[in-house]
Every structure is written in structure tokens, then in C-alpha cells.
PDB file of N, CA and C in Angstrom:
ATOM      1  N   MET A   1    -176.073 -51.760  -4.705  1.00  0.00           N
ATOM      2  CA  MET A   1    -177.676 -51.468  -4.923  1.00  0.00           C
ATOM      3  C   MET A   1    -178.259 -52.722  -4.975  1.00  0.00           C
ATOM      4  N   GLY A   2    -179.391 -52.678  -4.568  1.00  0.00           N
ATOM      5  CA  GLY A   2    -180.248 -53.909  -4.364  1.00  0.00           C
ATOM      6  C   GLY A   2    -181.188 -54.095  -5.844  1.00  0.00           C
ATOM      7  N   ASN A   3    -181.286 -55.158  -6.184  1.00  0.00           N
ATOM      8  CA  ASN A   3    -182.005 -55.410  -7.514  1.00  0.00           C
ATOM      9  C   ASN A   3    -182.917 -56.740  -7.332  1.00  0.00           C
ATOM     10  N   VAL A   4    -184.165 -56.652  -8.000  1.00  0.00           N
ATOM     11  CA  VAL A   4    -184.964 -57.565  -8.064  1.00  0.00           C
ATOM     12  C   VAL A   4    -185.574 -57.760  -9.470  1.00  0.00           C
ATOM     13  N   ILE A   5    -185.220 -58.799 -10.321  1.00  0.00           N
ATOM     14  CA  ILE A   5    -185.487 -58.791 -11.822  1.00  0.00           C
ATOM     15  C   ILE A   5    -186.215 -59.995 -12.162  1.00  0.00           C
ATOM     16  N   GLY A   6    -187.348 -59.914 -12.890  1.00  0.00           N
ATOM     17  CA  GLY A   6    -187.841 -60.999 -13.330  1.00  0.00           C
ATOM     18  C   GLY A   6    -187.264 -61.657 -14.417  1.00  0.00           C
ATOM     19  N   GLY A   7    -187.226 -63.014 -14.456  1.00  0.00           N
ATOM     20  CA  GLY A   7    -186.598 -63.732 -15.721  1.00  0.00           C
ATOM     21  C   GLY A   7    -187.544 -64.746 -16.280  1.00  0.00           C
ATOM     22  N   SER A   8    -186.996 -65.223 -17.435  1.00  0.00           N
ATOM     23  CA  SER A   8    -187.754 -66.260 -18.306  1.00  0.00           C
ATOM     24  C   SER A   8    -187.653 -67.528 -17.526  1.00  0.00           C
ATOM     25  N   VAL A   9    -188.604 -68.425 -17.640  1.00  0.00           N
ATOM     26  CA  VAL A   9    -188.348 -69.756 -17.168  1.00  0.00           C
ATOM     27  C   VAL A   9    -188.055 -70.784 -18.423  1.00  0.00           C
ATOM     28  N   HIS A  10    -186.803 -70.860 -18.539  1.00  0.00           N
ATOM     29  CA  HIS A  10    -186.161 -71.673 -19.630  1.00  0.00           C
ATOM     30  C   HIS A  10    -186.429 -73.189 -19.419  1.00  0.00           C
ATOM     31  N   SER A  11    -186.390 -73.862 -20.497  1.00  0.00           N
ATOM     32  CA  SER A  11    -186.677 -75.447 -20.134  1.00  0.00           C
ATOM     33  C   SER A  11    -185.497 -76.060 -19.379  1.00  0.00           C
ATOM     34  N   GLU A  12    -184.384 -75.672 -19.314  1.00  0.00           N
ATOM     35  CA  GLU A  12    -183.289 -76.264 -18.534  1.00  0.00           C
ATOM     36  C   GLU A  12    -183.502 -75.741 -16.920  1.00  0.00           C
ATOM     37  N   ILE A  13    -184.056 -74.688 -16.716  1.00  0.00           N
ATOM     38  CA  ILE A  13    -184.503 -74.228 -15.541  1.00  0.00           C
ATOM     39  C   ILE A  13    -185.393 -75.112 -14.786  1.00  0.00           C
ATOM     40  N   LYS A  14    -186.526 -75.292 -15.576  1.00  0.00           N
ATOM     41  CA  LYS A  14    -187.751 -76.045 -15.215  1.00  0.00           C
ATOM     42  C   LYS A  14    -187.472 -77.449 -14.937  1.00  0.00           C
ATOM     43  N   ALA A  15    -186.545 -77.954 -16.003  1.00  0.00           N
ATOM     44  CA  ALA A  15    -186.059 -79.312 -15.765  1.00  0.00           C
ATOM     45  C   ALA A  15    -185.222 -79.459 -14.462  1.00  0.00           C
ATOM     46  N   PHE A  16    -184.443 -78.510 -14.065  1.00  0.00           N
ATOM     47  CA  PHE A  16    -183.764 -78.488 -12.954  1.00  0.00           C
ATOM     48  C   PHE A  16    -184.505 -78.790 -11.669  1.00  0.00           C
ATOM     49  N   VAL A  17    -185.466 -77.895 -11.506  1.00  0.00           N
ATOM     50  CA  VAL A  17    -186.256 -77.710 -10.517  1.00  0.00           C
ATOM     51  C   VAL A  17    -187.169 -78.856 -10.161  1.00  0.00           C
ATOM     52  N   ILE A  18    -187.749 -79.662 -11.290  1.00  0.00           N
ATOM     53  CA  ILE A  18    -188.611 -80.820 -11.358  1.00  0.00           C
ATOM     54  C   ILE A  18    -187.882 -81.820 -10.456  1.00  0.00           C
ATOM     55  N   ASP A  19    -186.511 -81.841 -10.358  1.00  0.00           N
ATOM     56  CA  ASP A  19    -185.840 -82.962  -9.716  1.00  0.00           C
ATOM     57  C   ASP A  19    -185.850 -82.904  -8.155  1.00  0.00           C
ATOM     58  N   TYR A  20    -186.333 -81.721  -7.733  1.00  0.00           N
ATOM     59  CA  TYR A  20    -186.088 -81.401  -6.275  1.00  0.00           C
ATOM     60  C   TYR A  20    -187.314 -82.093  -5.556  1.00  0.00           C
ATOM     61  N   CYS A  21    -187.035 -82.602  -4.302  1.00  0.00           N
ATOM     62  CA  CYS A  21    -187.849 -83.237  -3.621  1.00  0.00           C
ATOM     63  C   CYS A  21    -189.148 -82.220  -3.001  1.00  0.00           C
ATOM     64  N   ASP A  22    -190.267 -82.591  -2.899  1.00  0.00           N
ATOM     65  CA  ASP A  22    -191.512 -81.793  -2.600  1.00  0.00           C
ATOM     66  C   ASP A  22    -191.180 -81.092  -1.282  1.00  0.00           C
ATOM     67  N   ASP A  23    -190.470 -81.624  -0.371  1.00  0.00           N
ATOM     68  CA  ASP A  23    -190.272 -80.968   1.113  1.00  0.00           C
ATOM     69  C   ASP A  23    -189.236 -79.950   0.936  1.00  0.00           C
ATOM     70  N   GLU A  24    -188.734 -79.612  -0.190  1.00  0.00           N
ATOM     71  CA  GLU A  24    -187.701 -78.418  -0.452  1.00  0.00           C
ATOM     72  C   GLU A  24    -188.461 -77.339  -0.982  1.00  0.00           C
ATOM     73  N   TRP A  25    -189.893 -77.410  -1.292  1.00  0.00           N
ATOM     74  CA  TRP A  25    -190.438 -76.228  -1.767  1.00  0.00           C
ATOM     75  C   TRP A  25    -191.110 -75.698  -0.570  1.00  0.00           C
ATOM     76  N   HIS A  26    -191.516 -74.425  -0.479  1.00  0.00           N
ATOM     77  CA  HIS A  26    -192.039 -73.618   0.610  1.00  0.00           C
ATOM     78  C   HIS A  26    -193.455 -73.017  -0.007  1.00  0.00           C
ATOM     79  N   ASP A  27    -194.462 -72.819   0.947  1.00  0.00           N
ATOM     80  CA  ASP A  27    -195.680 -72.536   0.525  1.00  0.00           C
ATOM     81  C   ASP A  27    -195.768 -70.912   0.541  1.00  0.00           C
ATOM     82  N   TYR A  28    -196.632 -70.159  -0.274  1.00  0.00           N
ATOM     83  CA  TYR A  28    -197.029 -68.979  -0.124  1.00  0.00           C
ATOM     84  C   TYR A  28    -198.450 -68.803  -0.517  1.00  0.00           C
ATOM     85  N   ARG A  29    -199.227 -68.245   0.471  1.00  0.00           N
ATOM     86  CA  ARG A  29    -200.814 -68.216   0.183  1.00  0.00           C
ATOM     87  C   ARG A  29    -201.259 -66.829   0.423  1.00  0.00           C
ATOM     88  N   LYS A  30    -202.104 -66.332  -0.419  1.00  0.00           N
ATOM     89  CA  LYS A  30    -202.877 -65.105  -0.297  1.00  0.00           C
ATOM     90  C   LYS A  30    -204.198 -65.481  -0.757  1.00  0.00           C
ATOM     91  N   GLY A  31    -205.179 -65.481   0.404  1.00  0.00           N
ATOM     92  CA  GLY A  31    -206.413 -65.860   0.090  1.00  0.00           C
ATOM     93  C   GLY A  31    -206.481 -67.243  -0.319  1.00  0.00           C
ATOM     94  N   LYS A  32    -207.165 -67.693  -1.287  1.00  0.00           N
ATOM     95  CA  LYS A  32    -207.094 -69.045  -1.792  1.00  0.00           C
ATOM     96  C   LYS A  32    -206.003 -69.396  -2.804  1.00  0.00           C
ATOM     97  N   ASP A  33    -205.363 -68.290  -3.294  1.00  0.00           N
ATOM     98  CA  ASP A  33    -204.302 -68.571  -4.211  1.00  0.00           C
ATOM     99  C   ASP A  33    -203.143 -69.140  -3.461  1.00  0.00           C
ATOM    100  N   ARG A  34    -202.429 -69.980  -4.246  1.00  0.00           N
ATOM    101  CA  ARG A  34    -201.361 -70.672  -3.630  1.00  0.00           C
ATOM    102  C   ARG A  34    -200.276 -70.922  -4.433  1.00  0.00           C
ATOM    103  N   TRP A  35    -199.106 -70.488  -4.114  1.00  0.00           N
ATOM    104  CA  TRP A  35    -197.835 -70.708  -4.858  1.00  0.00           C
ATOM    105  C   TRP A  35    -196.884 -71.468  -3.926  1.00  0.00           C
ATOM    106  N   GLN A  36    -196.020 -72.241  -4.718  1.00  0.00           N
ATOM    107  CA  GLN A  36    -194.835 -72.919  -4.039  1.00  0.00           C
ATOM    108  C   GLN A  36    -193.479 -72.158  -4.523  1.00  0.00           C
ATOM    109  N   TYR A  37    -192.542 -72.084  -3.776  1.00  0.00           N
ATOM    110  CA  TYR A  37    -191.298 -71.335  -4.190  1.00  0.00           C
ATOM    111  C   TYR A  37    -190.016 -71.951  -3.680  1.00  0.00           C
ATOM    112  N   MET A  38    -188.966 -71.868  -4.328  1.00  0.00           N
ATOM    113  CA  MET A  38    -187.569 -72.427  -3.896  1.00  0.00           C
ATOM    114  C   MET A  38    -186.709 -71.427  -4.083  1.00  0.00           C
ATOM    115  N   ASP A  39    -185.733 -71.307  -3.162  1.00  0.00           N
ATOM    116  CA  ASP A  39    -184.608 -70.412  -3.273  1.00  0.00           C
ATOM    117  C   ASP A  39    -183.336 -71.167  -3.811  1.00  0.00           C
ATOM    118  N   LEU A  40    -182.711 -70.810  -5.105  1.00  0.00           N
ATOM    119  CA  LEU A  40    -181.671 -71.578  -5.383  1.00  0.00           C
ATOM    120  C   LEU A  40    -180.580 -70.514  -6.045  1.00  0.00           C
ATOM    121  N   TRP A  41    -179.578 -70.993  -6.465  1.00  0.00           N
ATOM    122  CA  TRP A  41    -178.345 -70.201  -7.126  1.00  0.00           C
ATOM    123  C   TRP A  41    -178.235 -70.697  -8.477  1.00  0.00           C
ATOM    124  N   ASP A  42    -178.319 -69.737  -9.450  1.00  0.00           N
ATOM    125  CA  ASP A  42    -178.110 -70.087 -10.870  1.00  0.00           C
ATOM    126  C   ASP A  42    -176.970 -69.305 -11.491  1.00  0.00           C
ATOM    127  N   LYS A  43    -176.188 -70.034 -12.329  1.00  0.00           N
ATOM    128  CA  LYS A  43    -175.191 -69.424 -13.241  1.00  0.00           C
ATOM    129  C   LYS A  43    -175.623 -69.758 -14.646  1.00  0.00           C
ATOM    130  N   HIS A  44    -176.313 -68.795 -15.316  1.00  0.00           N
ATOM    131  CA  HIS A  44    -177.178 -69.086 -16.528  1.00  0.00           C
ATOM    132  C   HIS A  44    -176.312 -68.738 -17.675  1.00  0.00           C
ATOM    133  N   GLY A  45    -176.162 -69.513 -18.674  1.00  0.00           N
ATOM    134  CA  GLY A  45    -175.569 -69.043 -19.889  1.00  0.00           C
ATOM    135  C   GLY A  45    -174.179 -68.593 -19.737  1.00  0.00           C
ATOM    136  N   SER A  46    -174.051 -67.378 -20.317  1.00  0.00           N
ATOM    137  CA  SER A  46    -172.556 -66.772 -20.231  1.00  0.00           C
ATOM    138  C   SER A  46    -172.338 -65.951 -19.019  1.00  0.00           C
ATOM    139  N   TRP A  47    -173.164 -66.065 -18.001  1.00  0.00           N
ATOM    140  CA  TRP A  47    -172.805 -65.431 -16.761  1.00  0.00           C
ATOM    141  C   TRP A  47    -171.438 -66.036 -15.966  1.00  0.00           C
ATOM    142  N   ASP A  48    -170.855 -65.084 -15.443  1.00  0.00           N
ATOM    143  CA  ASP A  48    -169.505 -65.437 -14.844  1.00  0.00           C
ATOM    144  C   ASP A  48    -169.421 -65.801 -13.395  1.00  0.00           C
ATOM    145  N   ILE A  49    -170.870 -65.463 -12.766  1.00  0.00           N
ATOM    146  CA  ILE A  49    -171.082 -65.439 -11.284  1.00  0.00           C
ATOM    147  C   ILE A  49    -172.390 -66.183 -11.041  1.00  0.00           C
ATOM    148  N   TYR A  50    -172.597 -66.793  -9.824  1.00  0.00           N
ATOM    149  CA  TYR A  50    -173.940 -67.347  -9.709  1.00  0.00           C
ATOM    150  C   TYR A  50    -174.611 -66.390  -8.997  1.00  0.00           C
ATOM    151  N   ARG A  51    -176.091 -66.343  -9.325  1.00  0.00           N
ATOM    152  CA  ARG A  51    -176.952 -65.262  -8.842  1.00  0.00           C
ATOM    153  C   ARG A  51    -178.165 -66.035  -8.066  1.00  0.00           C
ATOM    154  N   ARG A  52    -178.688 -65.228  -7.074  1.00  0.00           N
ATOM    155  CA  ARG A  52    -179.802 -65.895  -6.356  1.00  0.00           C
ATOM    156  C   ARG A  52    -181.103 -66.029  -7.202  1.00  0.00           C
ATOM    157  N   MET A  53    -181.518 -67.035  -7.134  1.00  0.00           N
ATOM    158  CA  MET A  53    -182.837 -67.132  -8.178  1.00  0.00           C
ATOM    159  C   MET A  53    -183.928 -67.828  -7.225  1.00  0.00           C
ATOM    160  N   ILE A  54    -185.151 -67.138  -7.288  1.00  0.00           N
ATOM    161  CA  ILE A  54    -186.389 -67.665  -6.604  1.00  0.00           C
ATOM    162  C   ILE A  54    -187.136 -68.202  -7.678  1.00  0.00           C
ATOM    163  N   TYR A  55    -187.641 -69.533  -7.578  1.00  0.00           N
ATOM    164  CA  TYR A  55    -188.547 -70.093  -8.643  1.00  0.00           C
ATOM    165  C   TYR A  55    -189.852 -70.363  -8.016  1.00  0.00           C
ATOM    166  N   PHE A  56    -191.092 -69.755  -8.763  1.00  0.00           N
ATOM    167  CA  PHE A  56    -192.294 -69.782  -8.146  1.00  0.00           C
ATOM    168  C   PHE A  56    -193.040 -70.745  -9.006  1.00  0.00           C
ATOM    169  N   ARG A  57    -193.913 -71.500  -8.595  1.00  0.00           N
ATOM    170  CA  ARG A  57    -194.912 -72.389  -9.221  1.00  0.00           C
ATOM    171  C   ARG A  57    -196.101 -72.143  -8.683  1.00  0.00           C
ATOM    172  N   TYR A  58    -197.149 -72.019  -9.645  1.00  0.00           N
ATOM    173  CA  TYR A  58    -198.564 -71.633  -9.113  1.00  0.00           C
ATOM    174  C   TYR A  58    -199.269 -72.947  -8.974  1.00  0.00           C
ATOM    175  N   ILE A  59    -199.848 -73.152  -7.763  1.00  0.00           N
ATOM    176  CA  ILE A  59    -200.664 -74.369  -7.391  1.00  0.00           C
ATOM    177  C   ILE A  59    -202.140 -74.349  -7.725  1.00  0.00           C
ATOM    178  N   CYS A  60    -202.803 -73.301  -7.118  1.00  0.00           N
ATOM    179  CA  CYS A  60    -204.412 -73.047  -7.282  1.00  0.00           C
ATOM    180  C   CYS A  60    -204.623 -71.690  -7.249  1.00  0.00           C
ATOM    181  N   ASP A  61    -205.879 -71.420  -7.945  1.00  0.00           N
ATOM    182  CA  ASP A  61    -206.393 -70.064  -7.840  1.00  0.00           C
ATOM    183  C   ASP A  61    -207.400 -69.753  -6.799  1.00  0.00           C
ATOM    184  N   GLU A  62    -207.695 -68.435  -6.822  1.00  0.00           N
ATOM    185  CA  GLU A  62    -208.468 -68.017  -5.830  1.00  0.00           C
ATOM    186  C   GLU A  62    -209.874 -68.947  -5.480  1.00  0.00           C
ATOM    187  N   LYS A  63    -210.203 -69.561  -6.581  1.00  0.00           N
ATOM    188  CA  LYS A  63    -211.305 -70.470  -6.188  1.00  0.00           C
ATOM    189  C   LYS A  63    -210.972 -71.910  -5.665  1.00  0.00           C
ATOM    190  N   GLY A  64    -209.692 -72.054  -5.383  1.00  0.00           N
ATOM    191  CA  GLY A  64    -209.107 -73.365  -5.033  1.00  0.00           C
ATOM    192  C   GLY A  64    -208.908 -74.392  -6.074  1.00  0.00           C
ATOM    193  N   GLN A  65    -209.114 -73.917  -7.314  1.00  0.00           N
ATOM    194  CA  GLN A  65    -209.013 -74.836  -8.597  1.00  0.00           C
ATOM    195  C   GLN A  65    -207.407 -75.080  -8.862  1.00  0.00           C
ATOM    196  N   ARG A  66    -206.983 -76.233  -8.893  1.00  0.00           N
ATOM    197  CA  ARG A  66    -205.590 -76.596  -9.152  1.00  0.00           C
ATOM    198  C   ARG A  66    -205.328 -76.438 -10.660  1.00  0.00           C
ATOM    199  N   CYS A  67    -204.182 -76.046 -10.902  1.00  0.00           N
ATOM    200  CA  CYS A  67    -203.517 -75.865 -12.318  1.00  0.00           C
ATOM    201  C   CYS A  67    -202.796 -77.134 -12.719  1.00  0.00           C
ATOM    202  N   PHE A  68    -202.994 -77.494 -14.006  1.00  0.00           N
ATOM    203  CA  PHE A  68    -202.187 -78.663 -14.326  1.00  0.00           C
ATOM    204  C   PHE A  68    -200.736 -78.024 -14.738  1.00  0.00           C
ATOM    205  N   GLU A  69    -199.788 -78.985 -14.496  1.00  0.00           N
ATOM    206  CA  GLU A  69    -198.449 -78.436 -14.667  1.00  0.00           C
ATOM    207  C   GLU A  69    -198.166 -77.764 -16.052  1.00  0.00           C
ATOM    208  N   PHE A  70    -198.702 -78.083 -17.055  1.00  0.00           N
ATOM    209  CA  PHE A  70    -198.299 -77.787 -18.360  1.00  0.00           C
ATOM    210  C   PHE A  70    -198.837 -76.217 -18.635  1.00  0.00           C
ATOM    211  N   PHE A  71    -199.930 -75.985 -17.708  1.00  0.00           N
ATOM    212  CA  PHE A  71    -200.686 -74.675 -17.826  1.00  0.00           C
ATOM    213  C   PHE A  71    -200.307 -73.626 -16.769  1.00  0.00           C
ATOM    214  N   ARG A  72    -199.677 -74.155 -15.833  1.00  0.00           N
ATOM    215  CA  ARG A  72    -199.553 -73.014 -14.646  1.00  0.00           C
ATOM    216  C   ARG A  72    -198.495 -72.172 -15.223  1.00  0.00           C
ATOM    217  N   PRO A  73    -198.453 -70.702 -14.653  1.00  0.00           N
ATOM    218  CA  PRO A  73    -197.654 -69.729 -15.054  1.00  0.00           C
ATOM    219  C   PRO A  73    -196.418 -69.668 -14.159  1.00  0.00           C
ATOM    220  N   ASP A  74    -195.466 -70.583 -14.138  1.00  0.00           N
ATOM    221  CA  ASP A  74    -194.219 -70.468 -13.335  1.00  0.00           C
ATOM    222  C   ASP A  74    -193.465 -69.159 -13.668  1.00  0.00           C
ATOM    223  N   ARG A  75    -192.846 -68.687 -12.395  1.00  0.00           N
ATOM    224  CA  ARG A  75    -192.133 -67.435 -12.515  1.00  0.00           C
ATOM    225  C   ARG A  75    -190.612 -67.555 -11.929  1.00  0.00           C
ATOM    226  N   VAL A  76    -189.762 -66.734 -12.279  1.00  0.00           N
ATOM    227  CA  VAL A  76    -188.374 -66.812 -11.767  1.00  0.00           C
ATOM    228  C   VAL A  76    -188.129 -65.274 -11.502  1.00  0.00           C
ATOM    229  N   ILE A  77    -187.485 -65.132 -10.295  1.00  0.00           N
ATOM    230  CA  ILE A  77    -187.024 -63.941  -9.938  1.00  0.00           C
ATOM    231  C   ILE A  77    -185.446 -64.056  -9.701  1.00  0.00           C
ATOM    232  N   TYR A  78    -184.659 -62.989 -10.277  1.00  0.00           N
ATOM    233  CA  TYR A  78    -183.179 -63.022  -9.779  1.00  0.00           C
ATOM    234  C   TYR A  78    -183.153 -61.799  -8.802  1.00  0.00           C
ATOM    235  N   THR A  79    -182.211 -61.902  -7.850  1.00  0.00           N
ATOM    236  CA  THR A  79    -182.136 -60.722  -6.967  1.00  0.00           C
ATOM    237  C   THR A  79    -180.711 -60.841  -6.210  1.00  0.00           C
ATOM    238  N   ASN A  80    -180.214 -59.845  -5.680  1.00  0.00           N
ATOM    239  CA  ASN A  80    -178.996 -59.796  -4.786  1.00  0.00           C
ATOM    240  C   ASN A  80    -179.370 -59.487  -3.490  1.00  0.00           C
ATOM    241  N   LEU A  81    -180.717 -59.491  -3.178  1.00  0.00           N
ATOM    242  CA  LEU A  81    -181.184 -59.144  -1.677  1.00  0.00           C
ATOM    243  C   LEU A  81    -180.899 -60.368  -1.013  1.00  0.00           C
ATOM    244  N   GLU A  82    -180.426 -60.278   0.303  1.00  0.00           N
ATOM    245  CA  GLU A  82    -180.025 -61.354   1.080  1.00  0.00           C
ATOM    246  C   GLU A  82    -178.847 -62.139   0.642  1.00  0.00           C
ATOM    247  N   THR A  83    -177.873 -61.449  -0.274  1.00  0.00           N
ATOM    248  CA  THR A  83    -176.826 -61.981  -0.622  1.00  0.00           C
ATOM    249  C   THR A  83    -175.505 -61.241  -0.337  1.00  0.00           C
ATOM    250  N   ASP A  84    -175.760 -59.932   0.075  1.00  0.00           N
ATOM    251  CA  ASP A  84    -174.555 -58.800   0.116  1.00  0.00           C
ATOM    252  C   ASP A  84    -174.960 -58.323   1.435  1.00  0.00           C
ATOM    253  N   GLU A  85    -174.064 -58.380   2.257  1.00  0.00           N
ATOM    254  CA  GLU A  85    -174.194 -57.840   3.752  1.00  0.00           C
ATOM    255  C   GLU A  85    -174.465 -56.260   3.740  1.00  0.00           C
ATOM    256  N   ARG A  86    -173.696 -55.485   2.661  1.00  0.00           N
ATOM    257  CA  ARG A  86    -173.859 -54.190   2.638  1.00  0.00           C
ATOM    258  C   ARG A  86    -175.363 -53.829   2.319  1.00  0.00           C
ATOM    259  N   ILE A  87    -175.810 -54.456   1.398  1.00  0.00           N
ATOM    260  CA  ILE A  87    -177.241 -54.119   1.037  1.00  0.00           C
ATOM    261  C   ILE A  87    -178.098 -54.432   2.171  1.00  0.00           C
ATOM    262  N   ASP A  88    -178.087 -55.523   2.661  1.00  0.00           N
ATOM    263  CA  ASP A  88    -178.948 -56.057   3.894  1.00  0.00           C
ATOM    264  C   ASP A  88    -178.804 -55.072   5.046  1.00  0.00           C
ATOM    265  N   ASP A  89    -177.632 -54.515   5.282  1.00  0.00           N
ATOM    266  CA  ASP A  89    -177.450 -53.623   6.342  1.00  0.00           C
ATOM    267  C   ASP A  89    -178.050 -52.407   6.066  1.00  0.00           C
ATOM    268  N   MET A  90    -177.999 -51.825   4.856  1.00  0.00           N
ATOM    269  CA  MET A  90    -178.781 -50.743   4.322  1.00  0.00           C
ATOM    270  C   MET A  90    -180.420 -50.813   4.659  1.00  0.00           C
ATOM    271  N   PHE A  91    -180.738 -51.932   4.286  1.00  0.00           N
ATOM    272  CA  PHE A  91    -182.198 -52.052   4.340  1.00  0.00           C
ATOM    273  C   PHE A  91    -182.765 -52.122   5.914  1.00  0.00           C
ATOM    274  N   GLN A  92    -181.877 -52.801   6.614  1.00  0.00           N
ATOM    275  CA  GLN A  92    -182.041 -52.914   8.220  1.00  0.00           C
ATOM    276  C   GLN A  92    -181.894 -51.628   8.858  1.00  0.00           C
ATOM    277  N   ASN A  93    -180.930 -50.625   8.542  1.00  0.00           N
ATOM    278  CA  ASN A  93    -180.819 -49.461   8.939  1.00  0.00           C
ATOM    279  C   ASN A  93    -182.055 -48.416   8.481  1.00  0.00           C
ATOM    280  N   ALA A  94    -182.594 -48.573   7.460  1.00  0.00           N
ATOM    281  CA  ALA A  94    -183.697 -48.006   6.960  1.00  0.00           C
ATOM    282  C   ALA A  94    -185.134 -48.564   7.595  1.00  0.00           C
ATOM    283  N   GLY A  95    -185.017 -49.592   8.411  1.00  0.00           N
ATOM    284  CA  GLY A  95    -186.181 -50.151   8.964  1.00  0.00           C
ATOM    285  C   GLY A  95    -187.201 -50.893   8.159  1.00  0.00           C
ATOM    286  N   LEU A  96    -186.440 -51.585   7.082  1.00  0.00           N
ATOM    287  CA  LEU A  96    -187.026 -52.266   6.122  1.00  0.00           C
ATOM    288  C   LEU A  96    -186.821 -53.735   6.397  1.00  0.00           C
TER     289      LEU A  96
END
């Protein structure tokens, strides 16, 4: 079964992604809204396996106004999509 779950941005996760070089971030734009995202693996707290984590940071709003780092609404998504061939095959067979 495929899943996509929103998660909390804990301080240790935020500290971890800050150390990454800018060229490891990818851009996503919708209108003038701009986000950057990074695809990572996380084994958080008591988890016994690593899970795919996508970290998003908000760069600017629909007016092109940039956000200060301490104010921007960073987001984390955990998913098993593109990590399990059976799930990926099911989506491809369904035309998704």
C-alpha cells in the first residue's frame, strides 16, 4: 500500500538539512510561489527502518516576497512511493 504522510519539522531534522549545499535542493514553482525541496532518507527516533522523507522549504510567496528563514513554513512528507517496486508497478499499471 502506498502512503504519503505529513510530519513535523523537528529541530534535529532542520539542523540536518541546513548543512546541505544549495545545489542539492530542487525548485518547485506554482505561479510566483516558490518552494525548494530535497529528497532524503530518515530513521527518526525509535524507527527500525529508514523512510523516504521529502523536505520542503518556502522561499517566496505569490507576490514574490521572500520569507525570512525563521518565519517560513517548512514542511516534511514521509512516503513509500518510489521506494517499493510493487507499489510503483501498481501505479504504472493504473496509468498514474
